[in-house]
Amino acid sequence: MTGRQKVLLVALAGLLVALWLVAVAGRRDGPGDPAAGPGPLGRLGRGAGAVDPATVTVACVPPAAAPTATADGVVVGFDAVCRLRVADPGSLRTLVLRGGTPFEVTAPAPGDADVTVTDEVTPGPDGGPVAKVAVDRVTEVVLRCPGGGGCAVTIARS
């Protein structure tokens, strides 16, 4: 074994001991505090959040009334099909869609995946139907109203 290999082996052993000491020092035996923040892991999700409704353009067939801005977001009313075009958010964001009645949403998966996801969104136990779509680039999301009876979907801020 050369001198350089011995130095690398000792450095690796020192790194492993340091990592073990950090792991032992950071260990918690208690149940934790639900009111406490996420700690160092919270930084991993930094930049994530909801898509700004102002960056979404709407085109419905047949054309419906113009989208209406509210405190919660932008309300889109449509009879059959609507296409939402989301501008590039710059990083991974969530497009939050809240409906008063069931609706169907179709969207491409984020990243380089060649997958399109379709879901029938129905009311849950805690209220109206909610769809959350991951968006990381310019994306087109299709909304359909089952039965064509008319739907209203809010592009929510959160």
N, C-alpha and C. Protein backbone atom coordinates (compact mmCIF):
# COMPACT_ATOMS: atom_id res chain seq x y z
N MET A 1 0.85 -1.17 0.00
CA MET A 1 0.00 0.00 0.00
C MET A 1 0.90 1.24 0.00
N THR A 2 0.59 2.15 -0.89
CA THR A 2 1.41 3.36 -1.00
C THR A 2 1.04 4.36 0.10
N GLY A 3 1.84 5.37 0.26
CA GLY A 3 1.59 6.40 1.26
C GLY A 3 0.30 7.17 0.97
N ARG A 4 0.04 7.43 -0.30
CA ARG A 4 -1.18 8.14 -0.70
C ARG A 4 -2.42 7.33 -0.34
N GLN A 5 -2.36 6.01 -0.57
CA GLN A 5 -3.51 5.15 -0.24
C GLN A 5 -3.75 5.12 1.26
N LYS A 6 -2.65 5.12 2.05
CA LYS A 6 -2.80 5.12 3.50
C LYS A 6 -3.47 6.41 3.98
N VAL A 7 -3.07 7.54 3.40
CA VAL A 7 -3.67 8.83 3.77
C VAL A 7 -5.15 8.85 3.42
N LEU A 8 -5.52 8.35 2.25
CA LEU A 8 -6.93 8.29 1.85
C LEU A 8 -7.73 7.37 2.77
N LEU A 9 -7.15 6.25 3.17
CA LEU A 9 -7.82 5.31 4.06
C LEU A 9 -8.05 5.94 5.43
N VAL A 10 -7.07 6.64 5.96
CA VAL A 10 -7.21 7.31 7.25
C VAL A 10 -8.24 8.44 7.14
N ALA A 11 -8.26 9.20 6.04
CA ALA A 11 -9.23 10.27 5.85
C ALA A 11 -10.64 9.71 5.77
N LEU A 12 -10.81 8.60 5.07
CA LEU A 12 -12.13 7.96 4.97
C LEU A 12 -12.59 7.48 6.34
N ALA A 13 -11.70 6.88 7.11
CA ALA A 13 -12.06 6.41 8.46
C ALA A 13 -12.45 7.61 9.33
N GLY A 14 -11.70 8.71 9.23
CA GLY A 14 -12.04 9.91 9.99
C GLY A 14 -13.40 10.47 9.60
N LEU A 15 -13.71 10.47 8.31
CA LEU A 15 -15.01 10.95 7.83
C LEU A 15 -16.14 10.08 8.36
N LEU A 16 -15.96 8.76 8.35
CA LEU A 16 -16.99 7.86 8.88
C LEU A 16 -17.22 8.09 10.37
N VAL A 17 -16.14 8.29 11.14
CA VAL A 17 -16.28 8.56 12.57
C VAL A 17 -17.01 9.89 12.78
N ALA A 18 -16.68 10.91 11.99
CA ALA A 18 -17.34 12.21 12.12
C ALA A 18 -18.83 12.09 11.80
N LEU A 19 -19.17 11.37 10.74
CA LEU A 19 -20.59 11.18 10.39
C LEU A 19 -21.33 10.44 11.49
N TRP A 20 -20.69 9.43 12.09
CA TRP A 20 -21.32 8.68 13.17
C TRP A 20 -21.58 9.58 14.37
N LEU A 21 -20.60 10.45 14.71
CA LEU A 21 -20.76 11.36 15.84
C LEU A 21 -21.90 12.35 15.59
N VAL A 22 -22.02 12.86 14.37
CA VAL A 22 -23.11 13.77 14.03
C VAL A 22 -24.45 13.06 14.15
N ALA A 23 -24.52 11.81 13.70
CA ALA A 23 -25.77 11.05 13.77
C ALA A 23 -26.17 10.80 15.21
N VAL A 24 -25.22 10.45 16.06
CA VAL A 24 -25.51 10.19 17.47
C VAL A 24 -25.90 11.47 18.17
N ALA A 25 -25.22 12.57 17.89
CA ALA A 25 -25.52 13.84 18.55
C ALA A 25 -26.89 14.37 18.13
N GLY A 26 -27.34 14.09 16.91
CA GLY A 26 -28.62 14.60 16.42
C GLY A 26 -29.79 13.70 16.74
N ARG A 27 -29.55 12.59 17.41
CA ARG A 27 -30.62 11.64 17.72
C ARG A 27 -31.56 12.19 18.79
N ARG A 28 -32.85 11.95 18.63
CA ARG A 28 -33.84 12.37 19.61
C ARG A 28 -34.62 11.15 20.06
N ASP A 29 -34.76 11.00 21.38
CA ASP A 29 -35.47 9.85 21.91
C ASP A 29 -36.93 10.15 22.23
N GLY A 30 -37.28 11.43 22.31
CA GLY A 30 -38.64 11.82 22.69
C GLY A 30 -39.61 11.69 21.52
N PRO A 31 -40.89 11.96 21.80
CA PRO A 31 -41.91 11.85 20.76
C PRO A 31 -41.87 13.00 19.75
N GLY A 32 -41.14 14.05 20.04
CA GLY A 32 -41.09 15.18 19.12
C GLY A 32 -42.15 16.22 19.44
N ASP A 33 -42.00 17.37 18.84
CA ASP A 33 -42.92 18.47 19.05
C ASP A 33 -43.62 18.80 17.74
N PRO A 34 -44.92 18.51 17.61
CA PRO A 34 -45.61 18.77 16.34
C PRO A 34 -45.65 20.24 15.98
N ALA A 35 -45.47 21.15 16.96
CA ALA A 35 -45.50 22.57 16.67
C ALA A 35 -44.15 23.07 16.14
N ALA A 36 -43.11 22.27 16.33
CA ALA A 36 -41.78 22.67 15.86
C ALA A 36 -41.72 22.60 14.34
N GLY A 37 -40.87 23.41 13.74
CA GLY A 37 -40.69 23.40 12.29
C GLY A 37 -40.03 22.12 11.82
N PRO A 38 -39.90 21.95 10.52
CA PRO A 38 -39.33 20.72 9.98
C PRO A 38 -37.82 20.60 10.16
N GLY A 39 -37.16 21.65 10.66
CA GLY A 39 -35.73 21.57 10.89
C GLY A 39 -34.94 21.60 9.59
N PRO A 40 -33.77 20.96 9.61
CA PRO A 40 -32.90 21.01 8.44
C PRO A 40 -33.53 20.40 7.19
N LEU A 41 -34.42 19.44 7.36
CA LEU A 41 -35.06 18.82 6.19
C LEU A 41 -36.01 19.77 5.49
N GLY A 42 -36.47 20.80 6.19
CA GLY A 42 -37.38 21.77 5.59
C GLY A 42 -36.74 22.52 4.43
N ARG A 43 -35.40 22.62 4.45
CA ARG A 43 -34.71 23.32 3.37
C ARG A 43 -34.80 22.56 2.05
N LEU A 44 -35.02 21.26 2.12
CA LEU A 44 -35.12 20.48 0.88
C LEU A 44 -36.31 20.89 0.04
N GLY A 45 -37.40 21.30 0.67
CA GLY A 45 -38.60 21.68 -0.06
C GLY A 45 -38.68 23.15 -0.40
N ARG A 46 -37.62 23.91 -0.10
CA ARG A 46 -37.63 25.34 -0.37
C ARG A 46 -37.83 25.57 -1.87
N GLY A 47 -38.63 26.54 -2.20
CA GLY A 47 -38.90 26.83 -3.61
C GLY A 47 -40.18 26.16 -4.06
N ALA A 48 -40.61 25.13 -3.34
CA ALA A 48 -41.86 24.47 -3.71
C ALA A 48 -43.02 25.34 -3.23
N GLY A 49 -44.12 25.27 -3.90
CA GLY A 49 -45.29 26.04 -3.52
C GLY A 49 -46.32 25.93 -4.63
N ALA A 50 -47.33 26.75 -4.53
CA ALA A 50 -48.41 26.72 -5.51
C ALA A 50 -48.09 27.62 -6.70
N VAL A 51 -48.65 27.25 -7.83
CA VAL A 51 -48.54 28.06 -9.04
C VAL A 51 -49.35 29.34 -8.84
N ASP A 52 -48.83 30.46 -9.26
CA ASP A 52 -49.55 31.73 -9.19
C ASP A 52 -50.68 31.70 -10.23
N PRO A 53 -51.94 31.85 -9.82
CA PRO A 53 -53.05 31.81 -10.78
C PRO A 53 -52.92 32.83 -11.91
N ALA A 54 -52.20 33.92 -11.68
CA ALA A 54 -52.04 34.94 -12.72
C ALA A 54 -51.19 34.44 -13.88
N THR A 55 -50.44 33.34 -13.68
CA THR A 55 -49.59 32.81 -14.74
C THR A 55 -50.29 31.74 -15.57
N VAL A 56 -51.59 31.55 -15.34
CA VAL A 56 -52.35 30.53 -16.05
C VAL A 56 -53.31 31.20 -17.03
N THR A 57 -53.25 30.79 -18.31
CA THR A 57 -54.22 31.29 -19.29
C THR A 57 -55.26 30.21 -19.54
N VAL A 58 -56.48 30.63 -19.87
CA VAL A 58 -57.61 29.71 -19.98
C VAL A 58 -58.24 29.82 -21.37
N ALA A 59 -58.51 28.64 -21.97
CA ALA A 59 -59.25 28.59 -23.25
C ALA A 59 -60.27 27.47 -23.13
N CYS A 60 -61.56 27.82 -23.19
CA CYS A 60 -62.62 26.84 -23.02
C CYS A 60 -63.37 26.62 -24.33
N VAL A 61 -63.91 25.39 -24.51
CA VAL A 61 -64.72 25.04 -25.67
C VAL A 61 -66.03 24.45 -25.14
N PRO A 62 -67.17 24.98 -25.43
CA PRO A 62 -67.40 26.27 -26.07
C PRO A 62 -66.95 27.39 -25.14
N PRO A 63 -66.65 28.57 -25.70
CA PRO A 63 -66.17 29.66 -24.87
C PRO A 63 -67.16 29.97 -23.75
N ALA A 64 -66.62 30.16 -22.57
CA ALA A 64 -67.44 30.47 -21.40
C ALA A 64 -67.18 31.91 -20.98
N ALA A 65 -67.76 32.29 -19.88
CA ALA A 65 -67.53 33.63 -19.35
C ALA A 65 -66.06 33.76 -18.98
N ALA A 66 -65.56 34.97 -18.98
CA ALA A 66 -64.16 35.21 -18.63
C ALA A 66 -63.89 34.75 -17.20
N PRO A 67 -62.69 34.24 -16.94
CA PRO A 67 -62.32 33.84 -15.57
C PRO A 67 -62.45 35.03 -14.63
N THR A 68 -62.86 34.75 -13.40
CA THR A 68 -63.09 35.78 -12.40
C THR A 68 -62.08 35.66 -11.27
N ALA A 69 -61.38 36.73 -10.96
CA ALA A 69 -60.42 36.74 -9.85
C ALA A 69 -61.16 36.87 -8.53
N THR A 70 -60.77 36.06 -7.56
CA THR A 70 -61.32 36.14 -6.20
C THR A 70 -60.15 36.16 -5.22
N ALA A 71 -60.46 36.22 -3.94
CA ALA A 71 -59.41 36.21 -2.92
C ALA A 71 -58.70 34.86 -2.88
N ASP A 72 -59.43 33.79 -3.24
CA ASP A 72 -58.85 32.45 -3.20
C ASP A 72 -58.05 32.11 -4.45
N GLY A 73 -58.29 32.80 -5.55
CA GLY A 73 -57.62 32.49 -6.81
C GLY A 73 -58.42 33.00 -7.98
N VAL A 74 -58.48 32.19 -9.05
CA VAL A 74 -59.22 32.55 -10.25
C VAL A 74 -60.25 31.47 -10.52
N VAL A 75 -61.52 31.87 -10.66
CA VAL A 75 -62.60 30.92 -10.91
C VAL A 75 -62.84 30.82 -12.41
N VAL A 76 -62.86 29.57 -12.91
CA VAL A 76 -63.09 29.30 -14.32
C VAL A 76 -64.38 28.49 -14.43
N GLY A 77 -65.36 29.03 -15.16
CA GLY A 77 -66.61 28.30 -15.41
C GLY A 77 -66.60 27.77 -16.83
N PHE A 78 -67.03 26.51 -17.02
CA PHE A 78 -67.04 25.92 -18.36
C PHE A 78 -68.10 24.83 -18.46
N ASP A 79 -68.49 24.54 -19.71
CA ASP A 79 -69.53 23.53 -19.94
C ASP A 79 -68.96 22.17 -20.32
N ALA A 80 -67.92 22.14 -21.14
CA ALA A 80 -67.42 20.85 -21.62
C ALA A 80 -65.93 20.68 -21.35
N VAL A 81 -65.07 21.47 -22.03
CA VAL A 81 -63.62 21.30 -21.92
C VAL A 81 -62.94 22.65 -21.78
N CYS A 82 -61.93 22.68 -20.95
CA CYS A 82 -61.09 23.88 -20.79
C CYS A 82 -59.63 23.46 -20.82
N ARG A 83 -58.83 24.27 -21.47
CA ARG A 83 -57.38 24.05 -21.48
C ARG A 83 -56.73 25.16 -20.67
N LEU A 84 -55.96 24.75 -19.66
CA LEU A 84 -55.21 25.70 -18.85
C LEU A 84 -53.76 25.63 -19.29
N ARG A 85 -53.20 26.75 -19.66
CA ARG A 85 -51.78 26.79 -20.04
C ARG A 85 -51.03 27.49 -18.92
N VAL A 86 -50.14 26.73 -18.26
CA VAL A 86 -49.38 27.24 -17.14
C VAL A 86 -48.03 27.71 -17.65
N ALA A 87 -47.68 28.98 -17.36
CA ALA A 87 -46.38 29.51 -17.75
C ALA A 87 -45.29 28.79 -16.94
N ASP A 88 -44.08 28.83 -17.44
CA ASP A 88 -42.95 28.17 -16.78
C ASP A 88 -42.77 28.74 -15.37
N PRO A 89 -42.96 27.90 -14.31
CA PRO A 89 -42.84 28.42 -12.95
C PRO A 89 -41.40 28.57 -12.47
N GLY A 90 -40.43 28.07 -13.22
CA GLY A 90 -39.03 28.20 -12.85
C GLY A 90 -38.52 27.06 -11.99
N SER A 91 -39.38 26.38 -11.26
CA SER A 91 -39.03 25.21 -10.47
C SER A 91 -40.31 24.40 -10.26
N LEU A 92 -40.20 23.29 -9.57
CA LEU A 92 -41.36 22.45 -9.34
C LEU A 92 -42.39 23.17 -8.48
N ARG A 93 -43.59 23.30 -8.97
CA ARG A 93 -44.71 23.94 -8.26
C ARG A 93 -45.94 23.04 -8.36
N THR A 94 -46.95 23.39 -7.59
CA THR A 94 -48.20 22.62 -7.59
C THR A 94 -49.34 23.51 -8.09
N LEU A 95 -50.02 23.05 -9.12
CA LEU A 95 -51.23 23.72 -9.61
C LEU A 95 -52.39 23.14 -8.81
N VAL A 96 -53.03 23.99 -8.00
CA VAL A 96 -54.12 23.53 -7.13
C VAL A 96 -55.45 23.92 -7.78
N LEU A 97 -56.29 22.92 -8.03
CA LEU A 97 -57.60 23.13 -8.66
C LEU A 97 -58.68 22.67 -7.70
N ARG A 98 -59.59 23.57 -7.33
CA ARG A 98 -60.69 23.25 -6.41
C ARG A 98 -62.00 23.42 -7.16
N GLY A 99 -62.87 22.43 -7.06
CA GLY A 99 -64.14 22.49 -7.77
C GLY A 99 -65.33 22.45 -6.84
N GLY A 100 -66.45 22.93 -7.35
CA GLY A 100 -67.70 22.85 -6.60
C GLY A 100 -68.42 21.55 -6.92
N THR A 101 -68.11 20.99 -8.09
CA THR A 101 -68.70 19.72 -8.53
C THR A 101 -67.56 18.84 -9.06
N PRO A 102 -67.82 17.55 -9.24
CA PRO A 102 -66.77 16.67 -9.79
C PRO A 102 -66.32 17.15 -11.17
N PHE A 103 -65.04 16.96 -11.47
CA PHE A 103 -64.48 17.29 -12.77
C PHE A 103 -63.35 16.32 -13.07
N GLU A 104 -62.90 16.33 -14.32
CA GLU A 104 -61.81 15.45 -14.75
C GLU A 104 -60.62 16.32 -15.16
N VAL A 105 -59.43 15.91 -14.77
CA VAL A 105 -58.22 16.65 -15.11
C VAL A 105 -57.22 15.71 -15.79
N THR A 106 -56.59 16.21 -16.85
CA THR A 106 -55.55 15.47 -17.58
C THR A 106 -54.33 16.37 -17.68
N ALA A 107 -53.16 15.82 -17.28
CA ALA A 107 -51.93 16.63 -17.29
C ALA A 107 -50.72 15.73 -17.51
N PRO A 108 -49.67 16.28 -18.13
CA PRO A 108 -48.43 15.51 -18.28
C PRO A 108 -47.68 15.46 -16.95
N ALA A 109 -46.92 14.38 -16.77
CA ALA A 109 -46.09 14.27 -15.57
C ALA A 109 -44.92 15.23 -15.67
N PRO A 110 -44.41 15.71 -14.54
CA PRO A 110 -43.26 16.63 -14.60
C PRO A 110 -41.99 15.90 -15.02
N GLY A 111 -40.98 16.68 -15.34
CA GLY A 111 -39.70 16.09 -15.73
C GLY A 111 -39.73 15.62 -17.16
N ASP A 112 -38.86 14.67 -17.46
CA ASP A 112 -38.75 14.15 -18.82
C ASP A 112 -39.62 12.93 -19.07
N ALA A 113 -40.46 12.57 -18.11
CA ALA A 113 -41.33 11.40 -18.26
C ALA A 113 -42.32 11.62 -19.40
N ASP A 114 -42.52 10.59 -20.19
CA ASP A 114 -43.48 10.66 -21.28
C ASP A 114 -44.79 10.00 -20.82
N VAL A 115 -45.39 10.58 -19.78
CA VAL A 115 -46.58 10.02 -19.16
C VAL A 115 -47.62 11.12 -19.02
N THR A 116 -48.87 10.80 -19.34
CA THR A 116 -49.98 11.72 -19.13
C THR A 116 -50.91 11.08 -18.11
N VAL A 117 -51.32 11.86 -17.12
CA VAL A 117 -52.16 11.36 -16.04
C VAL A 117 -53.55 11.96 -16.16
N THR A 118 -54.56 11.11 -16.02
CA THR A 118 -55.95 11.56 -16.03
C THR A 118 -56.61 11.10 -14.74
N ASP A 119 -57.39 12.00 -14.13
CA ASP A 119 -58.05 11.65 -12.88
C ASP A 119 -59.44 12.27 -12.84
N GLU A 120 -60.40 11.50 -12.33
CA GLU A 120 -61.74 12.03 -12.08
C GLU A 120 -61.73 12.52 -10.65
N VAL A 121 -61.88 13.81 -10.47
CA VAL A 121 -61.78 14.43 -9.15
C VAL A 121 -63.18 14.54 -8.57
N THR A 122 -63.39 13.89 -7.43
CA THR A 122 -64.69 13.89 -6.76
C THR A 122 -64.54 14.45 -5.35
N PRO A 123 -65.64 14.90 -4.75
CA PRO A 123 -65.55 15.45 -3.39
C PRO A 123 -64.99 14.44 -2.40
N GLY A 124 -64.14 14.93 -1.50
CA GLY A 124 -63.57 14.09 -0.46
C GLY A 124 -64.33 14.29 0.84
N PRO A 125 -63.86 13.65 1.91
CA PRO A 125 -64.54 13.76 3.20
C PRO A 125 -64.46 15.15 3.81
N ASP A 126 -63.49 15.96 3.37
CA ASP A 126 -63.31 17.28 3.97
C ASP A 126 -63.82 18.42 3.10
N GLY A 127 -64.57 18.12 2.06
CA GLY A 127 -65.12 19.21 1.24
C GLY A 127 -65.16 18.89 -0.22
N GLY A 128 -65.12 19.94 -1.04
CA GLY A 128 -65.23 19.81 -2.48
C GLY A 128 -64.02 19.13 -3.11
N PRO A 129 -64.15 18.79 -4.37
CA PRO A 129 -63.06 18.11 -5.06
C PRO A 129 -61.82 19.01 -5.22
N VAL A 130 -60.65 18.43 -5.00
CA VAL A 130 -59.39 19.15 -5.14
C VAL A 130 -58.43 18.29 -5.95
N ALA A 131 -57.79 18.91 -6.95
CA ALA A 131 -56.75 18.23 -7.73
C ALA A 131 -55.46 19.02 -7.57
N LYS A 132 -54.36 18.31 -7.38
CA LYS A 132 -53.05 18.96 -7.29
C LYS A 132 -52.19 18.38 -8.39
N VAL A 133 -51.71 19.28 -9.27
CA VAL A 133 -50.94 18.87 -10.44
C VAL A 133 -49.52 19.42 -10.31
N ALA A 134 -48.52 18.55 -10.39
CA ALA A 134 -47.13 18.99 -10.33
C ALA A 134 -46.74 19.61 -11.68
N VAL A 135 -46.13 20.80 -11.62
CA VAL A 135 -45.76 21.53 -12.83
C VAL A 135 -44.32 22.01 -12.68
N ASP A 136 -43.47 21.75 -13.69
CA ASP A 136 -42.09 22.23 -13.62
C ASP A 136 -41.64 22.94 -14.89
N ARG A 137 -42.54 23.11 -15.83
CA ARG A 137 -42.23 23.79 -17.08
C ARG A 137 -43.56 24.28 -17.67
N VAL A 138 -43.52 24.88 -18.86
CA VAL A 138 -44.76 25.27 -19.53
C VAL A 138 -45.59 24.00 -19.71
N THR A 139 -46.82 24.03 -19.22
CA THR A 139 -47.64 22.82 -19.20
C THR A 139 -49.06 23.15 -19.61
N GLU A 140 -49.68 22.22 -20.33
CA GLU A 140 -51.09 22.36 -20.67
C GLU A 140 -51.89 21.32 -19.91
N VAL A 141 -52.86 21.78 -19.14
CA VAL A 141 -53.72 20.92 -18.33
C VAL A 141 -55.13 21.00 -18.92
N VAL A 142 -55.77 19.85 -19.11
CA VAL A 142 -57.11 19.81 -19.70
C VAL A 142 -58.12 19.48 -18.60
N LEU A 143 -59.17 20.30 -18.51
CA LEU A 143 -60.28 20.06 -17.58
C LEU A 143 -61.51 19.66 -18.38
N ARG A 144 -62.22 18.65 -17.91
CA ARG A 144 -63.47 18.23 -18.55
C ARG A 144 -64.56 18.20 -17.49
N CYS A 145 -65.75 18.57 -17.94
CA CYS A 145 -66.92 18.55 -17.06
C CYS A 145 -67.76 17.33 -17.43
N PRO A 146 -67.85 16.32 -16.55
CA PRO A 146 -68.62 15.13 -16.90
C PRO A 146 -70.09 15.47 -17.09
N GLY A 147 -70.64 14.98 -18.16
CA GLY A 147 -72.06 15.22 -18.44
C GLY A 147 -72.33 16.56 -19.08
N GLY A 148 -71.37 17.44 -19.14
CA GLY A 148 -71.55 18.74 -19.79
C GLY A 148 -72.53 19.65 -19.10
N GLY A 149 -72.83 19.40 -17.82
CA GLY A 149 -73.80 20.22 -17.11
C GLY A 149 -73.25 21.52 -16.60
N GLY A 150 -71.98 21.75 -16.77
CA GLY A 150 -71.36 22.98 -16.29
C GLY A 150 -70.56 22.75 -15.02
N CYS A 151 -69.36 23.24 -15.02
CA CYS A 151 -68.47 23.11 -13.87
C CYS A 151 -67.83 24.47 -13.58
N ALA A 152 -67.44 24.64 -12.34
CA ALA A 152 -66.68 25.81 -11.93
C ALA A 152 -65.48 25.30 -11.15
N VAL A 153 -64.28 25.68 -11.60
CA VAL A 153 -63.04 25.25 -10.95
C VAL A 153 -62.26 26.49 -10.57
N THR A 154 -61.72 26.51 -9.36
CA THR A 154 -60.89 27.62 -8.90
C THR A 154 -59.43 27.22 -9.01
N ILE A 155 -58.65 28.05 -9.71
CA ILE A 155 -57.19 27.89 -9.73
C ILE A 155 -56.74 28.57 -8.46
N ALA A 156 -56.46 27.77 -7.42
CA ALA A 156 -56.23 28.30 -6.08
C ALA A 156 -54.79 28.73 -5.85
N ARG A 157 -54.64 29.64 -4.90
CA ARG A 157 -53.30 30.13 -4.52
C ARG A 157 -52.58 29.14 -3.63
N SER A 158 -53.31 28.28 -2.95
CA SER A 158 -52.70 27.26 -2.09
C SER A 158 -53.68 26.12 -1.86
